[in-house]
Structure formats: structure tokens, C-alpha cells
Amino acid sequence: MHQPHDYALRWIIESSESKKSPYLVDLGAYNGVGECQCRYWVCQVGPRVKRGERVHCKHVRIARERFTNWSIEAFRNHDKNQKQYEQ
């Protein structure tokens, strides 16, 4: 399973063009819309986000999906641990 980079809302997402150029995605930036270091986000998506639109690049979409999966797994594990203490 994929893990967050340095805190839960920051993820490293691989470039589809080059494995040597991963992007840092911050899902908490811009009130939860997210921010990416890729050229498309910086040049196309970022200006729209800064005007208040809720648009994403593919790296932000991937990071959101990974965050969701990671969160669900964390809650499932937490619930399993709680049941052990209730016995």
C-alpha cells in the first residue's frame, strides 16, 4: 500500500513520463483542492485554482485516491484493535 510522504496530506506521485521525476502533491493546499509540482498544475490548473475553481491535475487525483485507500485501511485497522480491547 502507498504511504504519505511526510504527513498524511502530502504524497509523492510518480510521473507517467519519467520515473526519475516524481511530484510532491499537497492535498491540503488551497482549502483541500490540492497542489502539485507538475508543469501542468503550475501553468494550467494552478491559476484556475487560485481563482477559486476546484480543478485537479492527474497527480492530485491519484494522490486523493491513495489518501482515501490509506485512510480506509487505517480506520479498518483501528477498528480491529478497538474490538480486541472491548472483550
C-alpha atoms as a PDB file:
ATOM      1  CA  MET A   1       0.000   0.000   0.000  1.00  0.00           C
ATOM      2  CA  HIS A   2       1.181   3.519  -0.754  1.00  0.00           C
ATOM      3  CA  GLN A   3       2.124   5.731   2.175  1.00  0.00           C
ATOM      4  CA  PRO A   4       2.081   9.516   2.690  1.00  0.00           C
ATOM      5  CA  HIS A   5       5.350  11.377   2.176  1.00  0.00           C
ATOM      6  CA  ASP A   6       5.978  13.257   5.440  1.00  0.00           C
ATOM      7  CA  TYR A   7       2.449  13.841   6.734  1.00  0.00           C
ATOM      8  CA  ALA A   8      -0.954  12.491   5.812  1.00  0.00           C
ATOM      9  CA  LEU A   9      -1.848  15.083   3.186  1.00  0.00           C
ATOM     10  CA  ARG A  10       1.497  15.124   1.320  1.00  0.00           C
ATOM     11  CA  TRP A  11       2.178  12.387  -1.226  1.00  0.00           C
ATOM     12  CA  ILE A  12       4.905  11.655  -3.750  1.00  0.00           C
ATOM     13  CA  ILE A  13       3.310  10.680  -7.063  1.00  0.00           C
ATOM     14  CA  GLU A  14       5.362   9.186  -9.862  1.00  0.00           C
ATOM     15  CA  SER A  15       5.467  10.899 -13.233  1.00  0.00           C
ATOM     16  CA  SER A  16       3.947   8.852 -16.032  1.00  0.00           C
ATOM     17  CA  GLU A  17       6.660  10.202 -18.329  1.00  0.00           C
ATOM     18  CA  SER A  18       9.730   9.708 -16.158  1.00  0.00           C
ATOM     19  CA  LYS A  19      10.225   7.587 -13.046  1.00  0.00           C
ATOM     20  CA  LYS A  20      13.090   9.927 -12.129  1.00  0.00           C
ATOM     21  CA  SER A  21      10.758  12.921 -11.749  1.00  0.00           C
ATOM     22  CA  PRO A  22       8.147  12.268  -9.068  1.00  0.00           C
ATOM     23  CA  TYR A  23       5.918  15.121  -7.956  1.00  0.00           C
ATOM     24  CA  LEU A  24       5.075  16.260  -4.452  1.00  0.00           C
ATOM     25  CA  VAL A  25       1.316  16.659  -4.056  1.00  0.00           C
ATOM     26  CA  ASP A  26      -0.108  18.546  -1.077  1.00  0.00           C
ATOM     27  CA  LEU A  27      -3.772  17.634  -0.714  1.00  0.00           C
ATOM     28  CA  GLY A  28      -4.338  20.238   1.998  1.00  0.00           C
ATOM     29  CA  ALA A  29      -3.283  23.213  -0.115  1.00  0.00           C
ATOM     30  CA  TYR A  30      -5.879  25.688  -1.353  1.00  0.00           C
ATOM     31  CA  ASN A  31      -8.535  24.625   1.157  1.00  0.00           C
ATOM     32  CA  GLY A  32      -8.295  20.959   0.228  1.00  0.00           C
ATOM     33  CA  VAL A  33      -8.266  21.363  -3.555  1.00  0.00           C
ATOM     34  CA  GLY A  34      -4.611  20.339  -3.607  1.00  0.00           C
ATOM     35  CA  GLU A  35      -1.400  21.474  -5.246  1.00  0.00           C
ATOM     36  CA  CYS A  36       1.154  19.658  -7.409  1.00  0.00           C
ATOM     37  CA  GLN A  37       4.641  20.460  -8.662  1.00  0.00           C
ATOM     38  CA  CYS A  38       3.974  19.255 -12.220  1.00  0.00           C
ATOM     39  CA  ARG A  39       4.176  21.712 -15.095  1.00  0.00           C
ATOM     40  CA  TYR A  40       0.514  21.218 -15.994  1.00  0.00           C
ATOM     41  CA  TRP A  41      -0.623  22.185 -12.486  1.00  0.00           C
ATOM     42  CA  VAL A  42       1.725  25.176 -12.316  1.00  0.00           C
ATOM     43  CA  CYS A  43       0.808  26.529 -15.766  1.00  0.00           C
ATOM     44  CA  GLN A  44      -2.817  25.452 -16.315  1.00  0.00           C
ATOM     45  CA  VAL A  45      -4.507  24.218 -13.166  1.00  0.00           C
ATOM     46  CA  GLY A  46      -2.880  26.460 -10.554  1.00  0.00           C
ATOM     47  CA  PRO A  47      -4.135  29.759 -11.979  1.00  0.00           C
ATOM     48  CA  ARG A  48      -7.672  28.345 -12.110  1.00  0.00           C
ATOM     49  CA  VAL A  49      -7.434  27.031  -8.534  1.00  0.00           C
ATOM     50  CA  LYS A  50      -6.198  30.433  -7.384  1.00  0.00           C
ATOM     51  CA  ARG A  51      -9.352  31.961  -8.926  1.00  0.00           C
ATOM     52  CA  GLY A  52     -11.453  29.601  -6.816  1.00  0.00           C
ATOM     53  CA  GLU A  53     -12.123  26.743  -9.233  1.00  0.00           C
ATOM     54  CA  ARG A  54     -11.950  23.181  -7.902  1.00  0.00           C
ATOM     55  CA  VAL A  55      -9.894  21.520 -10.639  1.00  0.00           C
ATOM     56  CA  HIS A  56      -7.072  18.965 -10.397  1.00  0.00           C
ATOM     57  CA  CYS A  57      -4.210  17.530 -12.387  1.00  0.00           C
ATOM     58  CA  LYS A  58      -3.904  13.748 -12.680  1.00  0.00           C
ATOM     59  CA  HIS A  59      -1.304  13.622  -9.892  1.00  0.00           C
ATOM     60  CA  VAL A  60      -3.686  15.281  -7.421  1.00  0.00           C
ATOM     61  CA  ARG A  61      -6.435  12.836  -8.456  1.00  0.00           C
ATOM     62  CA  ILE A  62      -4.063   9.894  -7.905  1.00  0.00           C
ATOM     63  CA  ALA A  63      -2.961  11.260  -4.519  1.00  0.00           C
ATOM     64  CA  ARG A  64      -6.613  11.735  -3.477  1.00  0.00           C
ATOM     65  CA  GLU A  65      -7.373   8.121  -4.369  1.00  0.00           C
ATOM     66  CA  ARG A  66      -4.305   6.858  -2.490  1.00  0.00           C
ATOM     67  CA  PHE A  67      -5.156   9.002   0.525  1.00  0.00           C
ATOM     68  CA  THR A  68      -8.686   7.599   0.542  1.00  0.00           C
ATOM     69  CA  ASN A  69      -7.451   4.000   0.338  1.00  0.00           C
ATOM     70  CA  TRP A  70      -4.797   4.625   3.006  1.00  0.00           C
ATOM     71  CA  SER A  71      -7.365   6.259   5.316  1.00  0.00           C
ATOM     72  CA  ILE A  72      -9.856   3.431   4.921  1.00  0.00           C
ATOM     73  CA  GLU A  73      -7.173   0.869   5.739  1.00  0.00           C
ATOM     74  CA  ALA A  74      -6.067   2.878   8.782  1.00  0.00           C
ATOM     75  CA  PHE A  75      -9.644   3.054  10.094  1.00  0.00           C
ATOM     76  CA  ARG A  76     -10.170  -0.652   9.445  1.00  0.00           C
ATOM     77  CA  ASN A  77      -7.023  -1.453  11.428  1.00  0.00           C
ATOM     78  CA  HIS A  78      -8.066   0.908  14.205  1.00  0.00           C
ATOM     79  CA  ASP A  79     -11.489  -0.758  14.410  1.00  0.00           C
ATOM     80  CA  LYS A  80      -9.865  -4.203  14.619  1.00  0.00           C
ATOM     81  CA  ASN A  81      -7.677  -3.003  17.506  1.00  0.00           C
ATOM     82  CA  GLN A  82     -10.639  -1.479  19.325  1.00  0.00           C
ATOM     83  CA  LYS A  83     -12.573  -4.742  19.198  1.00  0.00           C
ATOM     84  CA  GLN A  84      -9.685  -6.516  20.896  1.00  0.00           C
ATOM     85  CA  TYR A  85      -9.905  -4.139  23.845  1.00  0.00           C
ATOM     86  CA  GLU A  86     -13.662  -4.498  24.205  1.00  0.00           C
ATOM     87  CA  GLN A  87     -13.522  -8.225  25.004  1.00  0.00           C
END
